[in-house]
Amino acid sequence: MAATMREVAEAAGVSIATVSFVVNNTKPVAPETRQRIEEVMARLDFRRNMVGRALASRRTRVVALVYPAMEHKLGASGMEFVTSAARTASGAGYHLVLWPVSNDATELSQLVGQGLVDGVLLMEVQLEDARVEVLRRTRTPFALIGRSADLTGLVYVDIDFERTMEQAVDHLLGLGHRRLVMVSGSQVQASYRTYGPFVRAAAAYRRIAAERGFEVVILECEQSIEAGRAAAEQVLADHPGTTAVLVLNEFAAPGLVSGLLRHGVRIPDDVSVLSVLTSTEASTSVEPALTSMSSPGAELGELGVQALLRLLEGADALPPRLLPGTLVPGDSTGPVPMATPPG
């Protein structure tokens, strides 16, 4: 049977009130006393009553990571955000829960009204995101990993798509490539319409192409291996002179590679492939291992939680942070070929 608060107090040689201060985090306790009480609670299998603690402090010390998992697959790069956020929250004495709430915000509106969490960390942000308006209207403390179009009063961290795309394109241009295709995700589904990463990356790519002087070709495909194979077919059929492909679609990238190989295209001898904003795990799960712009998921997950917790603790808001991806060399990019690849 788990120990009571009285038993913990007796074993630690302190008052019940002092144990209560530690359990509910309602008053400061000397570090050495807190450590002794924590050690006794662990030894005696004392279990905190989270409901009682929440009632005493009017805080649950629970934060929600809102990710529309029903519409957006949670891949390896997405998991880097989630695990880093959970680790950071735990280190600060908070619990992080994952809310797989749709982007239409209906369910989110119902959840935040129940007082289940102290604050919300929003992911997979659209430029016009109904969830942001719900959180503003309900005065729920929140921070974003991503950016909506109107950033007034928002606390956010995000990927620096401008710098990421510049590094990706310049890597290929440095290898002599001038006939590039960008394969991005489809915005046909409502939850991907005005989806920040797709919109911002494409805008950056168009700007870079204008400055560097090469033709803009952007193809969209769904988030699946089959869609990636179809994108490879489209590249070869409609753009046969292509020598390099940038793919901003982690789930379609393996299909794109297999689709090119199936048509006898050698990677990178005939066509180079660079995966943009993915995890090392995903980029090395195919053959050849993909050169990639690695996603800064771990760093952004940590920064996003820190930004939210500062709001909850009444500290000054963290300034916005934009982090670029990091070029990770693989086996899928090489010098421009001397001849047109087979189609």
Protein backbone atom coordinates (compact mmCIF):
# COMPACT_ATOMS: atom_id res chain seq x y z
CA MET A 1 0.00 0.00 0.00
CA ALA A 2 1.27 3.47 -0.85
CA ALA A 3 2.43 5.66 2.03
CA THR A 4 0.39 8.56 3.38
CA MET A 5 1.55 12.14 3.71
CA ARG A 6 1.77 11.70 7.49
CA GLU A 7 4.08 8.70 7.09
CA VAL A 8 6.30 10.66 4.73
CA ALA A 9 6.47 13.56 7.20
CA GLU A 10 7.43 11.26 10.08
CA ALA A 11 10.12 9.48 8.07
CA ALA A 12 11.58 12.74 6.79
CA GLY A 13 11.43 14.45 10.18
CA VAL A 14 9.30 17.36 8.98
CA SER A 15 5.75 18.58 9.42
CA ILE A 16 2.85 17.41 7.29
CA ALA A 17 2.52 21.00 6.07
CA THR A 18 6.08 20.95 4.73
CA VAL A 19 5.39 17.72 2.84
CA SER A 20 2.25 19.35 1.44
CA PHE A 21 4.28 22.34 0.24
CA VAL A 22 6.55 19.98 -1.71
CA VAL A 23 3.73 17.84 -3.09
CA ASN A 24 1.58 20.77 -4.20
CA ASN A 25 4.45 23.17 -4.93
CA THR A 26 2.56 25.91 -3.11
CA LYS A 27 5.38 27.37 -0.97
CA PRO A 28 9.17 27.40 -1.24
CA VAL A 29 11.04 24.68 0.68
CA ALA A 30 14.79 24.58 1.33
CA PRO A 31 16.52 22.52 -1.40
CA GLU A 32 18.03 20.03 1.06
CA THR A 33 14.66 19.55 2.80
CA ARG A 34 12.88 19.11 -0.53
CA GLN A 35 15.44 16.52 -1.64
CA ARG A 36 15.05 14.58 1.62
CA ILE A 37 11.26 14.58 1.28
CA GLU A 38 11.45 13.50 -2.37
CA GLU A 39 13.76 10.62 -1.44
CA VAL A 40 11.42 9.46 1.33
CA MET A 41 8.40 9.67 -1.01
CA ALA A 42 10.21 7.50 -3.55
CA ARG A 43 11.31 4.97 -0.91
CA LEU A 44 7.85 4.70 0.66
CA ASP A 45 6.04 4.68 -2.70
CA PHE A 46 4.12 7.85 -1.96
CA ARG A 47 1.82 8.76 -4.83
CA ARG A 48 0.96 12.36 -5.49
CA ASN A 49 -2.73 13.11 -5.78
CA MET A 50 -2.72 15.15 -8.95
CA VAL A 51 -6.35 16.18 -8.56
CA GLY A 52 -5.75 17.42 -5.02
CA ARG A 53 -2.63 19.23 -6.12
CA ALA A 54 -4.49 20.94 -8.93
CA LEU A 55 -7.26 22.06 -6.57
CA ALA A 56 -4.75 23.42 -4.08
CA SER A 57 -2.68 25.37 -6.59
CA ARG A 58 -5.33 25.99 -9.27
CA ARG A 59 -2.77 24.52 -11.65
CA THR A 60 -2.70 21.06 -13.21
CA ARG A 61 0.98 21.29 -14.25
CA VAL A 62 -0.14 19.57 -17.43
CA VAL A 63 0.38 21.08 -20.88
CA ALA A 64 -1.11 19.81 -24.13
CA LEU A 65 0.73 19.38 -27.41
CA VAL A 66 -1.96 19.78 -30.06
CA TYR A 67 -1.13 17.80 -33.19
CA PRO A 68 -3.80 16.89 -35.80
CA ALA A 69 -2.63 13.28 -35.96
CA MET A 70 -5.84 12.07 -37.61
CA GLU A 71 -5.04 14.17 -40.70
CA HIS A 72 -1.25 14.62 -40.48
CA LYS A 73 0.85 11.50 -40.12
CA LEU A 74 3.32 11.60 -37.25
CA GLY A 75 6.59 10.52 -38.81
CA ALA A 76 10.14 10.32 -37.54
CA SER A 77 10.75 14.06 -37.82
CA GLY A 78 7.46 14.82 -36.04
CA MET A 79 8.40 12.47 -33.22
CA GLU A 80 11.58 14.49 -32.66
CA PHE A 81 9.39 17.50 -31.83
CA VAL A 82 7.14 15.46 -29.52
CA THR A 83 9.82 13.61 -27.56
CA SER A 84 11.90 16.75 -27.08
CA ALA A 85 8.86 18.70 -25.89
CA ALA A 86 7.90 15.93 -23.45
CA ARG A 87 11.45 15.74 -22.08
CA THR A 88 11.63 19.50 -21.57
CA ALA A 89 8.23 19.65 -19.87
CA SER A 90 9.15 16.79 -17.53
CA GLY A 91 12.42 18.46 -16.60
CA ALA A 92 10.46 21.54 -15.52
CA GLY A 93 8.00 19.54 -13.41
CA TYR A 94 5.19 19.45 -15.96
CA HIS A 95 3.45 16.59 -17.73
CA LEU A 96 2.92 16.81 -21.48
CA VAL A 97 -0.08 15.14 -23.11
CA LEU A 98 -0.69 14.74 -26.83
CA TRP A 99 -4.06 15.95 -28.10
CA PRO A 100 -4.66 14.61 -31.64
CA VAL A 101 -7.20 17.36 -32.30
CA SER A 102 -8.35 18.25 -35.81
CA ASN A 103 -7.30 21.53 -37.41
CA ASP A 104 -10.94 22.63 -37.59
CA ALA A 105 -10.70 23.56 -33.86
CA THR A 106 -14.16 22.29 -32.87
CA GLU A 107 -12.85 19.66 -30.46
CA LEU A 108 -10.10 21.97 -29.19
CA SER A 109 -12.71 24.54 -28.20
CA GLN A 110 -14.46 21.91 -26.08
CA LEU A 111 -11.26 20.61 -24.47
CA VAL A 112 -9.74 23.91 -23.37
CA GLY A 113 -12.98 24.86 -21.65
CA GLN A 114 -12.71 21.93 -19.24
CA GLY A 115 -9.60 23.15 -17.43
CA LEU A 116 -7.70 19.93 -18.13
CA VAL A 117 -4.41 21.66 -18.91
CA ASP A 118 -2.57 24.84 -17.95
CA GLY A 119 -1.53 25.69 -21.48
CA VAL A 120 -1.30 24.53 -25.08
CA LEU A 121 1.56 24.07 -27.52
CA LEU A 122 0.28 24.16 -31.09
CA MET A 123 1.90 22.25 -33.98
CA GLU A 124 1.21 21.86 -37.71
CA VAL A 125 0.15 25.47 -38.00
CA GLN A 126 -1.74 26.83 -41.01
CA LEU A 127 -1.46 30.46 -42.10
CA GLU A 128 -5.18 30.80 -41.40
CA ASP A 129 -5.50 28.56 -38.34
CA ALA A 130 -8.86 28.35 -36.56
CA ARG A 131 -7.17 26.85 -33.48
CA VAL A 132 -5.26 30.07 -32.86
CA GLU A 133 -8.50 32.04 -32.74
CA VAL A 134 -10.02 29.54 -30.28
CA LEU A 135 -7.06 29.85 -27.94
CA ARG A 136 -7.11 33.63 -28.17
CA ARG A 137 -10.83 33.80 -27.52
CA THR A 138 -10.68 31.49 -24.49
CA ARG A 139 -7.57 33.27 -23.15
CA THR A 140 -5.73 29.97 -22.94
CA PRO A 141 -1.96 30.40 -22.56
CA PHE A 142 -0.38 29.00 -25.72
CA ALA A 143 2.72 28.99 -27.88
CA LEU A 144 3.25 27.84 -31.45
CA ILE A 145 5.76 25.62 -33.16
CA GLY A 146 5.01 27.21 -36.51
CA ARG A 147 3.52 30.52 -37.65
CA SER A 148 0.13 31.75 -38.74
CA ALA A 149 -0.23 34.73 -41.06
CA ASP A 150 -1.13 37.20 -38.30
CA LEU A 151 1.62 37.04 -35.66
CA THR A 152 0.27 39.89 -33.52
CA GLY A 153 0.82 39.03 -29.87
CA LEU A 154 1.83 35.44 -30.61
CA VAL A 155 4.64 33.51 -28.94
CA TYR A 156 6.22 31.16 -31.46
CA VAL A 157 9.25 29.27 -32.70
CA ASP A 158 9.55 27.88 -36.19
CA ILE A 159 11.78 26.59 -38.95
CA ASP A 160 13.66 29.21 -40.93
CA PHE A 161 12.41 28.17 -44.36
CA GLU A 162 14.29 30.92 -46.18
CA ARG A 163 17.71 29.83 -44.95
CA THR A 164 16.85 26.14 -45.22
CA MET A 165 15.82 26.39 -48.85
CA GLU A 166 18.81 28.58 -49.69
CA GLN A 167 21.22 25.99 -48.30
CA ALA A 168 19.43 23.15 -50.11
CA VAL A 169 19.35 24.90 -53.47
CA ASP A 170 22.90 26.22 -53.20
CA HIS A 171 24.15 22.71 -52.44
CA LEU A 172 22.69 21.51 -55.75
CA LEU A 173 23.77 24.59 -57.71
CA GLY A 174 27.27 24.08 -56.37
CA LEU A 175 27.24 20.63 -57.95
CA GLY A 176 26.36 22.20 -61.31
CA HIS A 177 22.61 21.51 -61.35
CA ARG A 178 20.38 24.05 -63.08
CA ARG A 179 17.32 21.96 -64.00
CA LEU A 180 15.64 21.41 -60.65
CA VAL A 181 12.22 20.20 -59.56
CA MET A 182 10.75 20.75 -56.13
CA VAL A 183 8.27 18.12 -54.89
CA SER A 184 6.13 19.41 -52.03
CA GLY A 185 3.07 18.19 -50.18
CA SER A 186 -0.44 18.57 -51.53
CA GLN A 187 -2.72 21.26 -50.09
CA VAL A 188 -5.91 19.70 -51.42
CA GLN A 189 -7.02 18.41 -48.01
CA ALA A 190 -8.52 21.06 -45.73
CA SER A 191 -6.01 20.41 -42.94
CA TYR A 192 -3.12 21.15 -45.32
CA ARG A 193 -4.65 24.23 -46.94
CA THR A 194 -2.35 27.20 -46.27
CA TYR A 195 -0.14 24.80 -44.28
CA GLY A 196 2.80 26.93 -43.15
CA PRO A 197 5.75 24.69 -44.13
CA PHE A 198 4.46 24.04 -47.65
CA VAL A 199 3.54 27.68 -48.32
CA ARG A 200 6.67 29.24 -46.84
CA ALA A 201 9.08 26.74 -48.40
CA ALA A 202 7.52 27.20 -51.85
CA ALA A 203 7.64 30.99 -51.53
CA ALA A 204 11.31 30.83 -50.52
CA TYR A 205 12.07 28.51 -53.44
CA ARG A 206 10.43 30.87 -55.95
CA ARG A 207 12.41 33.82 -54.59
CA ILE A 208 15.70 31.89 -54.74
CA ALA A 209 14.99 30.71 -58.29
CA ALA A 210 14.38 34.28 -59.42
CA GLU A 211 17.62 35.43 -57.81
CA ARG A 212 19.72 32.49 -59.07
CA GLY A 213 18.15 32.47 -62.51
CA PHE A 214 16.64 29.00 -62.96
CA GLU A 215 13.13 27.85 -63.88
CA VAL A 216 10.61 27.21 -61.10
CA VAL A 217 8.99 23.76 -61.24
CA ILE A 218 6.97 22.74 -58.17
CA LEU A 219 4.96 19.52 -58.06
CA GLU A 220 2.57 18.58 -55.27
CA CYS A 221 1.79 15.06 -54.07
CA GLU A 222 0.02 13.40 -51.17
CA GLN A 223 1.81 12.18 -48.06
CA SER A 224 2.41 8.56 -49.11
CA ILE A 225 4.90 6.26 -50.79
CA GLU A 226 2.49 5.66 -53.66
CA ALA A 227 2.19 9.40 -54.25
CA GLY A 228 5.98 9.64 -54.28
CA ARG A 229 6.16 7.01 -57.04
CA ALA A 230 3.56 8.96 -59.02
CA ALA A 231 5.63 12.14 -58.57
CA ALA A 232 8.66 10.33 -60.00
CA GLU A 233 6.58 9.35 -63.03
CA GLN A 234 5.51 12.98 -63.47
CA VAL A 235 9.06 14.28 -63.22
CA LEU A 236 10.29 11.86 -65.88
CA ALA A 237 7.31 12.34 -68.19
CA ASP A 238 6.84 16.10 -67.96
CA HIS A 239 10.36 17.29 -67.10
CA PRO A 240 12.75 14.80 -68.73
CA GLY A 241 15.79 17.07 -68.49
CA THR A 242 15.63 17.27 -64.69
CA THR A 243 18.97 16.61 -62.98
CA ALA A 244 18.02 17.22 -59.34
CA VAL A 245 14.88 16.91 -57.19
CA LEU A 246 14.24 18.56 -53.83
CA VAL A 247 11.51 16.74 -51.92
CA LEU A 248 9.72 18.44 -49.02
CA ASN A 249 7.55 15.43 -48.20
CA GLU A 250 9.00 12.89 -45.78
CA PHE A 251 6.39 10.23 -46.47
CA ALA A 252 6.63 10.50 -50.26
CA ALA A 253 10.45 10.59 -50.46
CA PRO A 254 10.97 6.78 -50.39
CA GLY A 255 8.41 6.35 -53.17
CA LEU A 256 10.06 9.06 -55.23
CA VAL A 257 13.40 7.26 -54.96
CA SER A 258 11.94 3.85 -55.79
CA GLY A 259 9.98 5.33 -58.70
CA LEU A 260 13.12 6.81 -60.24
CA LEU A 261 15.11 3.61 -59.73
CA ARG A 262 12.31 1.54 -61.26
CA HIS A 263 12.74 3.50 -64.51
CA GLY A 264 16.46 2.88 -64.60
CA VAL A 265 17.44 6.28 -63.27
CA ARG A 266 20.68 6.07 -61.32
CA ILE A 267 20.83 8.14 -58.13
CA PRO A 268 22.90 10.33 -58.04
CA ASP A 269 24.65 9.61 -61.36
CA ASP A 270 21.62 10.60 -63.44
CA VAL A 271 19.44 12.52 -60.99
CA SER A 272 20.31 13.86 -57.54
CA VAL A 273 17.70 13.77 -54.77
CA LEU A 274 17.77 16.01 -51.70
CA SER A 275 15.21 15.51 -48.92
CA VAL A 276 14.23 18.76 -47.18
CA LEU A 277 13.33 18.94 -43.48
CA THR A 278 13.37 15.32 -42.51
CA SER A 279 14.96 13.25 -39.75
CA THR A 280 18.24 11.38 -40.01
CA GLU A 281 16.31 8.18 -39.38
CA ALA A 282 14.01 8.77 -42.35
CA SER A 283 16.77 9.87 -44.72
CA THR A 284 18.90 6.80 -44.00
CA SER A 285 16.01 4.32 -44.26
CA VAL A 286 16.21 4.24 -48.08
CA GLU A 287 18.92 3.18 -50.51
CA PRO A 288 20.82 5.22 -51.43
CA ALA A 289 20.81 7.15 -48.14
CA LEU A 290 19.43 10.59 -48.86
CA THR A 291 21.32 13.81 -48.59
CA SER A 292 19.02 15.91 -46.45
CA MET A 293 18.31 19.18 -44.76
CA SER A 294 17.76 17.76 -41.30
CA SER A 295 14.78 19.16 -39.39
CA PRO A 296 15.59 21.10 -36.17
CA GLY A 297 12.78 19.21 -34.42
CA ALA A 298 14.54 18.51 -31.12
CA GLU A 299 15.61 22.13 -30.69
CA LEU A 300 12.20 23.54 -31.60
CA GLY A 301 10.37 21.10 -29.33
CA GLU A 302 12.50 22.28 -26.42
CA LEU A 303 12.18 25.97 -27.29
CA GLY A 304 8.41 25.69 -27.78
CA VAL A 305 7.88 24.22 -24.31
CA GLN A 306 10.22 26.77 -22.74
CA ALA A 307 8.27 29.58 -24.40
CA LEU A 308 4.96 28.20 -23.11
CA LEU A 309 6.23 27.62 -19.57
CA ARG A 310 7.51 31.19 -19.36
CA LEU A 311 3.98 32.36 -20.08
CA LEU A 312 2.61 30.06 -17.38
CA GLU A 313 5.17 31.20 -14.83
CA GLY A 314 4.58 34.89 -15.55
CA ALA A 315 8.07 35.50 -16.94
CA ASP A 316 8.92 37.71 -19.90
CA ALA A 317 8.01 36.05 -23.19
CA LEU A 318 10.80 34.46 -25.16
CA PRO A 319 11.53 36.32 -28.40
CA PRO A 320 10.56 34.48 -31.61
CA ARG A 321 13.16 31.99 -32.83
CA LEU A 322 13.63 30.69 -36.38
CA LEU A 323 16.01 27.76 -36.83
CA PRO A 324 17.19 26.48 -40.22
CA GLY A 325 17.66 22.85 -41.19
CA THR A 326 21.17 21.41 -41.28
CA LEU A 327 22.70 19.91 -44.41
CA VAL A 328 23.51 16.24 -43.78
CA PRO A 329 25.49 14.70 -46.68
CA GLY A 330 24.25 11.38 -48.01
CA ASP A 331 24.69 9.26 -51.12
CA SER A 332 21.87 10.75 -53.19
CA THR A 333 23.47 13.94 -54.51
CA GLY A 334 26.40 14.32 -56.89
CA PRO A 335 27.73 16.42 -59.77
CA VAL A 336 25.40 17.23 -62.64
CA PRO A 337 25.49 14.45 -65.27
CA MET A 338 26.97 15.08 -68.68
CA ALA A 339 24.01 13.46 -70.45
CA THR A 340 20.24 13.60 -70.00
CA PRO A 341 19.00 10.83 -67.68
CA PRO A 342 16.82 8.07 -69.10
CA GLY A 343 13.06 8.54 -69.01
